[in-house]
Amino acid sequence: VGVNAGSLKLPSPDRTLRTEFDESDI
């Protein structure tokens, strides 16, 4: 699983990715 910052396409808003982080990370 090769994530590259140059081709980083994310769902919007960011909350769809927050499951791996708690509120203190935001």
mmCIF file of all heavy atoms, coordinates in Angstrom:
data_MODEL
# 
_entry.id   MODEL 
# 
loop_
_atom_site.group_PDB 
_atom_site.id 
_atom_site.type_symbol 
_atom_site.label_atom_id 
_atom_site.label_alt_id 
_atom_site.label_comp_id 
_atom_site.label_asym_id 
_atom_site.label_entity_id 
_atom_site.label_seq_id 
_atom_site.pdbx_PDB_ins_code 
_atom_site.Cartn_x 
_atom_site.Cartn_y 
_atom_site.Cartn_z 
_atom_site.occupancy 
_atom_site.B_iso_or_equiv 
_atom_site.pdbx_formal_charge 
_atom_site.auth_seq_id 
_atom_site.auth_comp_id 
_atom_site.auth_asym_id 
_atom_site.auth_atom_id 
_atom_site.pdbx_PDB_model_num 
ATOM 1   N N   . VAL A 1 1  ? 0.879   -1.161 0.000  1.00 0.00 ? 1  VAL A N   1 
ATOM 2   C CA  . VAL A 1 1  ? 0.000   0.000  0.000  1.00 0.00 ? 1  VAL A CA  1 
ATOM 3   C C   . VAL A 1 1  ? 0.920   1.215  0.000  1.00 0.00 ? 1  VAL A C   1 
ATOM 4   O O   . VAL A 1 1  ? 1.509   1.563  1.015  1.00 0.00 ? 1  VAL A O   1 
ATOM 5   C CB  . VAL A 1 1  ? -0.930  0.002  1.223  1.00 0.00 ? 1  VAL A CB  1 
ATOM 6   C CG1 . VAL A 1 1  ? -1.772  1.279  1.248  1.00 0.00 ? 1  VAL A CG1 1 
ATOM 7   C CG2 . VAL A 1 1  ? -1.822  -1.236 1.208  1.00 0.00 ? 1  VAL A CG2 1 
ATOM 8   N N   . GLY A 1 2  ? 1.070   1.817  -1.172 1.00 0.00 ? 2  GLY A N   1 
ATOM 9   C CA  . GLY A 1 2  ? 2.067   2.873  -1.345 1.00 0.00 ? 2  GLY A CA  1 
ATOM 10  C C   . GLY A 1 2  ? 1.431   4.243  -1.477 1.00 0.00 ? 2  GLY A C   1 
ATOM 11  O O   . GLY A 1 2  ? 1.021   4.643  -2.571 1.00 0.00 ? 2  GLY A O   1 
ATOM 12  N N   . VAL A 1 3  ? 1.345   4.971  -0.369 1.00 0.00 ? 3  VAL A N   1 
ATOM 13  C CA  . VAL A 1 3  ? 0.807   6.326  -0.388 1.00 0.00 ? 3  VAL A CA  1 
ATOM 14  C C   . VAL A 1 3  ? 1.910   7.291  -0.793 1.00 0.00 ? 3  VAL A C   1 
ATOM 15  O O   . VAL A 1 3  ? 3.042   7.201  -0.296 1.00 0.00 ? 3  VAL A O   1 
ATOM 16  C CB  . VAL A 1 3  ? 0.241   6.712  0.993  1.00 0.00 ? 3  VAL A CB  1 
ATOM 17  C CG1 . VAL A 1 3  ? -0.207  8.170  1.008  1.00 0.00 ? 3  VAL A CG1 1 
ATOM 18  C CG2 . VAL A 1 3  ? -0.917  5.795  1.362  1.00 0.00 ? 3  VAL A CG2 1 
ATOM 19  N N   . ASN A 1 4  ? 1.581   8.208  -1.683 1.00 0.00 ? 4  ASN A N   1 
ATOM 20  C CA  . ASN A 1 4  ? 2.542   9.211  -2.141 1.00 0.00 ? 4  ASN A CA  1 
ATOM 21  C C   . ASN A 1 4  ? 1.916   10.593 -1.968 1.00 0.00 ? 4  ASN A C   1 
ATOM 22  O O   . ASN A 1 4  ? 0.802   10.842 -2.434 1.00 0.00 ? 4  ASN A O   1 
ATOM 23  C CB  . ASN A 1 4  ? 2.891   8.959  -3.614 1.00 0.00 ? 4  ASN A CB  1 
ATOM 24  C CG  . ASN A 1 4  ? 4.067   9.776  -4.082 1.00 0.00 ? 4  ASN A CG  1 
ATOM 25  O OD1 . ASN A 1 4  ? 4.098   10.993 -3.911 1.00 0.00 ? 4  ASN A OD1 1 
ATOM 26  N ND2 . ASN A 1 4  ? 5.036   9.119  -4.693 1.00 0.00 ? 4  ASN A ND2 1 
ATOM 27  N N   . ALA A 1 5  ? 2.636   11.484 -1.287 1.00 0.00 ? 5  ALA A N   1 
ATOM 28  C CA  . ALA A 1 5  ? 2.108   12.824 -1.024 1.00 0.00 ? 5  ALA A CA  1 
ATOM 29  C C   . ALA A 1 5  ? 1.765   13.564 -2.307 1.00 0.00 ? 5  ALA A C   1 
ATOM 30  O O   . ALA A 1 5  ? 0.865   14.409 -2.326 1.00 0.00 ? 5  ALA A O   1 
ATOM 31  C CB  . ALA A 1 5  ? 3.106   13.636 -0.200 1.00 0.00 ? 5  ALA A CB  1 
ATOM 32  N N   . GLY A 1 6  ? 2.456   13.250 -3.398 1.00 0.00 ? 6  GLY A N   1 
ATOM 33  C CA  . GLY A 1 6  ? 2.220   13.941 -4.655 1.00 0.00 ? 6  GLY A CA  1 
ATOM 34  C C   . GLY A 1 6  ? 0.950   13.529 -5.365 1.00 0.00 ? 6  GLY A C   1 
ATOM 35  O O   . GLY A 1 6  ? 0.494   14.220 -6.273 1.00 0.00 ? 6  GLY A O   1 
ATOM 36  N N   . SER A 1 7  ? 0.372   12.378 -4.968 1.00 0.00 ? 7  SER A N   1 
ATOM 37  C CA  . SER A 1 7  ? -0.884  11.937 -5.596 1.00 0.00 ? 7  SER A CA  1 
ATOM 38  C C   . SER A 1 7  ? -1.923  11.650 -4.525 1.00 0.00 ? 7  SER A C   1 
ATOM 39  O O   . SER A 1 7  ? -2.724  10.721 -4.638 1.00 0.00 ? 7  SER A O   1 
ATOM 40  C CB  . SER A 1 7  ? -0.645  10.689 -6.450 1.00 0.00 ? 7  SER A CB  1 
ATOM 41  O OG  . SER A 1 7  ? -0.072  9.652  -5.688 1.00 0.00 ? 7  SER A OG  1 
ATOM 42  N N   . LEU A 1 8  ? -1.889  12.457 -3.482 1.00 0.00 ? 8  LEU A N   1 
ATOM 43  C CA  . LEU A 1 8  ? -2.767  12.245 -2.332 1.00 0.00 ? 8  LEU A CA  1 
ATOM 44  C C   . LEU A 1 8  ? -4.148  12.821 -2.626 1.00 0.00 ? 8  LEU A C   1 
ATOM 45  O O   . LEU A 1 8  ? -4.337  14.038 -2.646 1.00 0.00 ? 8  LEU A O   1 
ATOM 46  C CB  . LEU A 1 8  ? -2.162  12.927 -1.099 1.00 0.00 ? 8  LEU A CB  1 
ATOM 47  C CG  . LEU A 1 8  ? -2.788  12.626 0.259  1.00 0.00 ? 8  LEU A CG  1 
ATOM 48  C CD1 . LEU A 1 8  ? -2.669  11.156 0.599  1.00 0.00 ? 8  LEU A CD1 1 
ATOM 49  C CD2 . LEU A 1 8  ? -2.125  13.472 1.340  1.00 0.00 ? 8  LEU A CD2 1 
ATOM 50  N N   . LYS A 1 9  ? -5.099  11.943 -2.886 1.00 0.00 ? 9  LYS A N   1 
ATOM 51  C CA  . LYS A 1 9  ? -6.477  12.377 -3.124 1.00 0.00 ? 9  LYS A CA  1 
ATOM 52  C C   . LYS A 1 9  ? -7.341  11.846 -1.994 1.00 0.00 ? 9  LYS A C   1 
ATOM 53  O O   . LYS A 1 9  ? -7.414  10.642 -1.773 1.00 0.00 ? 9  LYS A O   1 
ATOM 54  C CB  . LYS A 1 9  ? -6.979  11.857 -4.472 1.00 0.00 ? 9  LYS A CB  1 
ATOM 55  C CG  . LYS A 1 9  ? -6.290  12.502 -5.656 1.00 0.00 ? 9  LYS A CG  1 
ATOM 56  C CD  . LYS A 1 9  ? -6.895  12.035 -6.965 1.00 0.00 ? 9  LYS A CD  1 
ATOM 57  C CE  . LYS A 1 9  ? -6.204  12.693 -8.154 1.00 0.00 ? 9  LYS A CE  1 
ATOM 58  N NZ  . LYS A 1 9  ? -6.756  12.244 -9.440 1.00 0.00 ? 9  LYS A NZ  1 
ATOM 59  N N   . LEU A 1 10 ? -7.958  12.768 -1.281 1.00 0.00 ? 10 LEU A N   1 
ATOM 60  C CA  . LEU A 1 10 ? -8.675  12.401 -0.076 1.00 0.00 ? 10 LEU A CA  1 
ATOM 61  C C   . LEU A 1 10 ? -10.158 12.687 -0.184 1.00 0.00 ? 10 LEU A C   1 
ATOM 62  O O   . LEU A 1 10 ? -10.560 13.634 -0.854 1.00 0.00 ? 10 LEU A O   1 
ATOM 63  C CB  . LEU A 1 10 ? -8.112  13.192 1.115  1.00 0.00 ? 10 LEU A CB  1 
ATOM 64  C CG  . LEU A 1 10 ? -6.628  12.993 1.378  1.00 0.00 ? 10 LEU A CG  1 
ATOM 65  C CD1 . LEU A 1 10 ? -6.154  14.024 2.375  1.00 0.00 ? 10 LEU A CD1 1 
ATOM 66  C CD2 . LEU A 1 10 ? -6.380  11.611 1.907  1.00 0.00 ? 10 LEU A CD2 1 
ATOM 67  N N   . PRO A 1 11 ? -10.972 11.890 0.493  1.00 0.00 ? 11 PRO A N   1 
ATOM 68  C CA  . PRO A 1 11 ? -12.378 12.240 0.593  1.00 0.00 ? 11 PRO A CA  1 
ATOM 69  C C   . PRO A 1 11 ? -12.527 13.574 1.301  1.00 0.00 ? 11 PRO A C   1 
ATOM 70  O O   . PRO A 1 11 ? -11.680 13.958 2.095  1.00 0.00 ? 11 PRO A O   1 
ATOM 71  C CB  . PRO A 1 11 ? -12.968 11.098 1.447  1.00 0.00 ? 11 PRO A CB  1 
ATOM 72  C CG  . PRO A 1 11 ? -11.983 9.988  1.347  1.00 0.00 ? 11 PRO A CG  1 
ATOM 73  C CD  . PRO A 1 11 ? -10.644 10.638 1.180  1.00 0.00 ? 11 PRO A CD  1 
ATOM 74  N N   . SER A 1 12 ? -13.581 14.292 1.028  1.00 0.00 ? 12 SER A N   1 
ATOM 75  C CA  . SER A 1 12 ? -13.815 15.579 1.672  1.00 0.00 ? 12 SER A CA  1 
ATOM 76  C C   . SER A 1 12 ? -15.182 15.541 2.350  1.00 0.00 ? 12 SER A C   1 
ATOM 77  O O   . SER A 1 12 ? -16.160 15.060 1.782  1.00 0.00 ? 12 SER A O   1 
ATOM 78  C CB  . SER A 1 12 ? -13.778 16.696 0.629  1.00 0.00 ? 12 SER A CB  1 
ATOM 79  O OG  . SER A 1 12 ? -13.960 17.950 1.237  1.00 0.00 ? 12 SER A OG  1 
ATOM 80  N N   . PRO A 1 13 ? -15.286 15.998 3.589  1.00 0.00 ? 13 PRO A N   1 
ATOM 81  C CA  . PRO A 1 13 ? -14.250 16.610 4.406  1.00 0.00 ? 13 PRO A CA  1 
ATOM 82  C C   . PRO A 1 13 ? -13.332 15.577 5.053  1.00 0.00 ? 13 PRO A C   1 
ATOM 83  O O   . PRO A 1 13 ? -13.576 14.388 4.942  1.00 0.00 ? 13 PRO A O   1 
ATOM 84  C CB  . PRO A 1 13 ? -15.060 17.369 5.467  1.00 0.00 ? 13 PRO A CB  1 
ATOM 85  C CG  . PRO A 1 13 ? -16.302 16.543 5.622  1.00 0.00 ? 13 PRO A CG  1 
ATOM 86  C CD  . PRO A 1 13 ? -16.615 16.039 4.244  1.00 0.00 ? 13 PRO A CD  1 
ATOM 87  N N   . ASP A 1 14 ? -12.312 16.052 5.773  1.00 0.00 ? 14 ASP A N   1 
ATOM 88  C CA  . ASP A 1 14 ? -11.315 15.173 6.382  1.00 0.00 ? 14 ASP A CA  1 
ATOM 89  C C   . ASP A 1 14 ? -11.903 14.211 7.408  1.00 0.00 ? 14 ASP A C   1 
ATOM 90  O O   . ASP A 1 14 ? -11.276 13.225 7.752  1.00 0.00 ? 14 ASP A O   1 
ATOM 91  C CB  . ASP A 1 14 ? -10.229 16.008 7.076  1.00 0.00 ? 14 ASP A CB  1 
ATOM 92  C CG  . ASP A 1 14 ? -9.217  16.555 6.086  1.00 0.00 ? 14 ASP A CG  1 
ATOM 93  O OD1 . ASP A 1 14 ? -9.241  16.153 4.913  1.00 0.00 ? 14 ASP A OD1 1 
ATOM 94  O OD2 . ASP A 1 14 ? -8.433  17.394 6.508  1.00 0.00 ? 14 ASP A OD2 1 
ATOM 95  N N   . ARG A 1 15 ? -13.098 14.482 7.895  1.00 0.00 ? 15 ARG A N   1 
ATOM 96  C CA  . ARG A 1 15 ? -13.631 13.626 8.958  1.00 0.00 ? 15 ARG A CA  1 
ATOM 97  C C   . ARG A 1 15 ? -13.766 12.174 8.517  1.00 0.00 ? 15 ARG A C   1 
ATOM 98  O O   . ARG A 1 15 ? -13.816 11.280 9.353  1.00 0.00 ? 15 ARG A O   1 
ATOM 99  C CB  . ARG A 1 15 ? -14.975 14.154 9.454  1.00 0.00 ? 15 ARG A CB  1 
ATOM 100 C CG  . ARG A 1 15 ? -16.104 14.138 8.425  1.00 0.00 ? 15 ARG A CG  1 
ATOM 101 C CD  . ARG A 1 15 ? -17.430 14.552 9.070  1.00 0.00 ? 15 ARG A CD  1 
ATOM 102 N NE  . ARG A 1 15 ? -18.499 14.645 8.094  1.00 0.00 ? 15 ARG A NE  1 
ATOM 103 C CZ  . ARG A 1 15 ? -18.806 15.741 7.435  1.00 0.00 ? 15 ARG A CZ  1 
ATOM 104 N NH1 . ARG A 1 15 ? -18.117 16.857 7.666  1.00 0.00 ? 15 ARG A NH1 1 
ATOM 105 N NH2 . ARG A 1 15 ? -19.785 15.758 6.555  1.00 0.00 ? 15 ARG A NH2 1 
ATOM 106 N N   . THR A 1 16 ? -13.832 11.921 7.217  1.00 0.00 ? 16 THR A N   1 
ATOM 107 C CA  . THR A 1 16 ? -13.925 10.536 6.753  1.00 0.00 ? 16 THR A CA  1 
ATOM 108 C C   . THR A 1 16 ? -12.658 9.747  7.031  1.00 0.00 ? 16 THR A C   1 
ATOM 109 O O   . THR A 1 16 ? -12.661 8.534  6.958  1.00 0.00 ? 16 THR A O   1 
ATOM 110 C CB  . THR A 1 16 ? -14.199 10.491 5.240  1.00 0.00 ? 16 THR A CB  1 
ATOM 111 O OG1 . THR A 1 16 ? -13.152 11.176 4.564  1.00 0.00 ? 16 THR A OG1 1 
ATOM 112 C CG2 . THR A 1 16 ? -15.529 11.126 4.907  1.00 0.00 ? 16 THR A CG2 1 
ATOM 113 N N   . LEU A 1 17 ? -11.556 10.456 7.343  1.00 0.00 ? 17 LEU A N   1 
ATOM 114 C CA  . LEU A 1 17 ? -10.292 9.780  7.633  1.00 0.00 ? 17 LEU A CA  1 
ATOM 115 C C   . LEU A 1 17 ? -9.947  9.801  9.116  1.00 0.00 ? 17 LEU A C   1 
ATOM 116 O O   . LEU A 1 17 ? -8.928  9.279  9.521  1.00 0.00 ? 17 LEU A O   1 
ATOM 117 C CB  . LEU A 1 17 ? -9.152  10.453 6.857  1.00 0.00 ? 17 LEU A CB  1 
ATOM 118 C CG  . LEU A 1 17 ? -9.205  10.319 5.342  1.00 0.00 ? 17 LEU A CG  1 
ATOM 119 C CD1 . LEU A 1 17 ? -8.089  11.124 4.715  1.00 0.00 ? 17 LEU A CD1 1 
ATOM 120 C CD2 . LEU A 1 17 ? -9.112  8.875  4.922  1.00 0.00 ? 17 LEU A CD2 1 
ATOM 121 N N   . ARG A 1 18 ? -10.803 10.397 9.938  1.00 0.00 ? 18 ARG A N   1 
ATOM 122 C CA  . ARG A 1 18 ? -10.428 10.603 11.326 1.00 0.00 ? 18 ARG A CA  1 
ATOM 123 C C   . ARG A 1 18 ? -10.539 9.366  12.199 1.00 0.00 ? 18 ARG A C   1 
ATOM 124 O O   . ARG A 1 18 ? -10.167 9.401  13.363 1.00 0.00 ? 18 ARG A O   1 
ATOM 125 C CB  . ARG A 1 18 ? -11.288 11.722 11.929 1.00 0.00 ? 18 ARG A CB  1 
ATOM 126 C CG  . ARG A 1 18 ? -10.945 13.081 11.341 1.00 0.00 ? 18 ARG A CG  1 
ATOM 127 C CD  . ARG A 1 18 ? -11.805 14.146 11.989 1.00 0.00 ? 18 ARG A CD  1 
ATOM 128 N NE  . ARG A 1 18 ? -11.569 15.435 11.337 1.00 0.00 ? 18 ARG A NE  1 
ATOM 129 C CZ  . ARG A 1 18 ? -12.266 16.532 11.602 1.00 0.00 ? 18 ARG A CZ  1 
ATOM 130 N NH1 . ARG A 1 18 ? -13.233 16.498 12.507 1.00 0.00 ? 18 ARG A NH1 1 
ATOM 131 N NH2 . ARG A 1 18 ? -12.009 17.655 10.976 1.00 0.00 ? 18 ARG A NH2 1 
ATOM 132 N N   . THR A 1 19 ? -11.052 8.283  11.661 1.00 0.00 ? 19 THR A N   1 
ATOM 133 C CA  . THR A 1 19 ? -11.245 7.087  12.475 1.00 0.00 ? 19 THR A CA  1 
ATOM 134 C C   . THR A 1 19 ? -9.943  6.564  13.053 1.00 0.00 ? 19 THR A C   1 
ATOM 135 O O   . THR A 1 19 ? -9.952  5.890  14.074 1.00 0.00 ? 19 THR A O   1 
ATOM 136 C CB  . THR A 1 19 ? -11.904 5.975  11.646 1.00 0.00 ? 19 THR A CB  1 
ATOM 137 O OG1 . THR A 1 19 ? -11.123 5.743  10.474 1.00 0.00 ? 19 THR A OG1 1 
ATOM 138 C CG2 . THR A 1 19 ? -13.310 6.366  11.244 1.00 0.00 ? 19 THR A CG2 1 
ATOM 139 N N   . GLU A 1 20 ? -8.814  6.835  12.404 1.00 0.00 ? 20 GLU A N   1 
ATOM 140 C CA  . GLU A 1 20 ? -7.524  6.350  12.888 1.00 0.00 ? 20 GLU A CA  1 
ATOM 141 C C   . GLU A 1 20 ? -6.873  7.315  13.883 1.00 0.00 ? 20 GLU A C   1 
ATOM 142 O O   . GLU A 1 20 ? -5.818  7.026  14.420 1.00 0.00 ? 20 GLU A O   1 
ATOM 143 C CB  . GLU A 1 20 ? -6.567  6.127  11.711 1.00 0.00 ? 20 GLU A CB  1 
ATOM 144 C CG  . GLU A 1 20 ? -7.058  5.105  10.698 1.00 0.00 ? 20 GLU A CG  1 
ATOM 145 C CD  . GLU A 1 20 ? -7.192  3.708  11.265 1.00 0.00 ? 20 GLU A CD  1 
ATOM 146 O OE1 . GLU A 1 20 ? -6.584  3.434  12.328 1.00 0.00 ? 20 GLU A OE1 1 
ATOM 147 O OE2 . GLU A 1 20 ? -7.917  2.892  10.658 1.00 0.00 ? 20 GLU A OE2 1 
ATOM 148 N N   . PHE A 1 21 ? -7.491  8.484  14.108 1.00 0.00 ? 21 PHE A N   1 
ATOM 149 C CA  . PHE A 1 21 ? -6.925  9.481  15.011 1.00 0.00 ? 21 PHE A CA  1 
ATOM 150 C C   . PHE A 1 21 ? -8.004  9.961  15.970 1.00 0.00 ? 21 PHE A C   1 
ATOM 151 O O   . PHE A 1 21 ? -9.195  9.943  15.662 1.00 0.00 ? 21 PHE A O   1 
ATOM 152 C CB  . PHE A 1 21 ? -6.381  10.681 14.220 1.00 0.00 ? 21 PHE A CB  1 
ATOM 153 C CG  . PHE A 1 21 ? -5.209  10.336 13.364 1.00 0.00 ? 21 PHE A CG  1 
ATOM 154 C CD1 . PHE A 1 21 ? -5.376  9.942  12.040 1.00 0.00 ? 21 PHE A CD1 1 
ATOM 155 C CD2 . PHE A 1 21 ? -3.924  10.392 13.875 1.00 0.00 ? 21 PHE A CD2 1 
ATOM 156 C CE1 . PHE A 1 21 ? -4.293  9.614  11.242 1.00 0.00 ? 21 PHE A CE1 1 
ATOM 157 C CE2 . PHE A 1 21 ? -2.842  10.062 13.084 1.00 0.00 ? 21 PHE A CE2 1 
ATOM 158 C CZ  . PHE A 1 21 ? -3.014  9.673  11.776 1.00 0.00 ? 21 PHE A CZ  1 
ATOM 159 N N   . ASP A 1 22 ? -7.584  10.420 17.146 1.00 0.00 ? 22 ASP A N   1 
ATOM 160 C CA  . ASP A 1 22 ? -8.557  11.006 18.067 1.00 0.00 ? 22 ASP A CA  1 
ATOM 161 C C   . ASP A 1 22 ? -8.570  12.525 17.888 1.00 0.00 ? 22 ASP A C   1 
ATOM 162 O O   . ASP A 1 22 ? -7.825  13.087 17.085 1.00 0.00 ? 22 ASP A O   1 
ATOM 163 C CB  . ASP A 1 22 ? -8.246  10.613 19.521 1.00 0.00 ? 22 ASP A CB  1 
ATOM 164 C CG  . ASP A 1 22 ? -6.860  11.046 19.971 1.00 0.00 ? 22 ASP A CG  1 
ATOM 165 O OD1 . ASP A 1 22 ? -6.423  12.145 19.564 1.00 0.00 ? 22 ASP A OD1 1 
ATOM 166 O OD2 . ASP A 1 22 ? -6.220  10.299 20.716 1.00 0.00 ? 22 ASP A OD2 1 
ATOM 167 N N   . GLU A 1 23 ? -9.426  13.179 18.635 1.00 0.00 ? 23 GLU A N   1 
ATOM 168 C CA  . GLU A 1 23 ? -9.615  14.612 18.448 1.00 0.00 ? 23 GLU A CA  1 
ATOM 169 C C   . GLU A 1 23 ? -8.346  15.420 18.702 1.00 0.00 ? 23 GLU A C   1 
ATOM 170 O O   . GLU A 1 23 ? -8.148  16.487 18.140 1.00 0.00 ? 23 GLU A O   1 
ATOM 171 C CB  . GLU A 1 23 ? -10.744 15.114 19.356 1.00 0.00 ? 23 GLU A CB  1 
ATOM 172 C CG  . GLU A 1 23 ? -12.126 14.657 18.911 1.00 0.00 ? 23 GLU A CG  1 
ATOM 173 C CD  . GLU A 1 23 ? -12.460 15.124 17.503 1.00 0.00 ? 23 GLU A CD  1 
ATOM 174 O OE1 . GLU A 1 23 ? -12.213 16.295 17.181 1.00 0.00 ? 23 GLU A OE1 1 
ATOM 175 O OE2 . GLU A 1 23 ? -12.966 14.306 16.706 1.00 0.00 ? 23 GLU A OE2 1 
ATOM 176 N N   . SER A 1 24 ? -7.459  14.910 19.558 1.00 0.00 ? 24 SER A N   1 
ATOM 177 C CA  . SER A 1 24 ? -6.228  15.648 19.867 1.00 0.00 ? 24 SER A CA  1 
ATOM 178 C C   . SER A 1 24 ? -5.284  15.706 18.672 1.00 0.00 ? 24 SER A C   1 
ATOM 179 O O   . SER A 1 24 ? -4.373  16.526 18.637 1.00 0.00 ? 24 SER A O   1 
ATOM 180 C CB  . SER A 1 24 ? -5.511  15.007 21.060 1.00 0.00 ? 24 SER A CB  1 
ATOM 181 O OG  . SER A 1 24 ? -5.090  13.689 20.727 1.00 0.00 ? 24 SER A OG  1 
ATOM 182 N N   . ASP A 1 25 ? -5.515  14.849 17.681 1.00 0.00 ? 25 ASP A N   1 
ATOM 183 C CA  . ASP A 1 25 ? -4.651  14.836 16.494 1.00 0.00 ? 25 ASP A CA  1 
ATOM 184 C C   . ASP A 1 25 ? -5.104  15.841 15.444 1.00 0.00 ? 25 ASP A C   1 
ATOM 185 O O   . ASP A 1 25 ? -4.425  16.049 14.446 1.00 0.00 ? 25 ASP A O   1 
ATOM 186 C CB  . ASP A 1 25 ? -4.651  13.437 15.847 1.00 0.00 ? 25 ASP A CB  1 
ATOM 187 C CG  . ASP A 1 25 ? -3.956  12.415 16.711 1.00 0.00 ? 25 ASP A CG  1 
ATOM 188 O OD1 . ASP A 1 25 ? -2.787  12.649 17.053 1.00 0.00 ? 25 ASP A OD1 1 
ATOM 189 O OD2 . ASP A 1 25 ? -4.580  11.409 17.056 1.00 0.00 ? 25 ASP A OD2 1 
ATOM 190 N N   . ILE A 1 26 ? -6.258  16.441 15.640 1.00 0.00 ? 26 ILE A N   1 
ATOM 191 C CA  . ILE A 1 26 ? -6.833  17.329 14.641 1.00 0.00 ? 26 ILE A CA  1 
ATOM 192 C C   . ILE A 1 26 ? -6.530  18.775 14.994 1.00 0.00 ? 26 ILE A C   1 
ATOM 193 O O   . ILE A 1 26 ? -6.631  19.187 16.141 1.00 0.00 ? 26 ILE A O   1 
ATOM 194 C CB  . ILE A 1 26 ? -8.351  17.093 14.540 1.00 0.00 ? 26 ILE A CB  1 
ATOM 195 C CG1 . ILE A 1 26 ? -8.605  15.620 14.165 1.00 0.00 ? 26 ILE A CG1 1 
ATOM 196 C CG2 . ILE A 1 26 ? -8.989  18.026 13.534 1.00 0.00 ? 26 ILE A CG2 1 
ATOM 197 C CD1 . ILE A 1 26 ? -10.037 15.203 14.276 1.00 0.00 ? 26 ILE A CD1 1 
# 
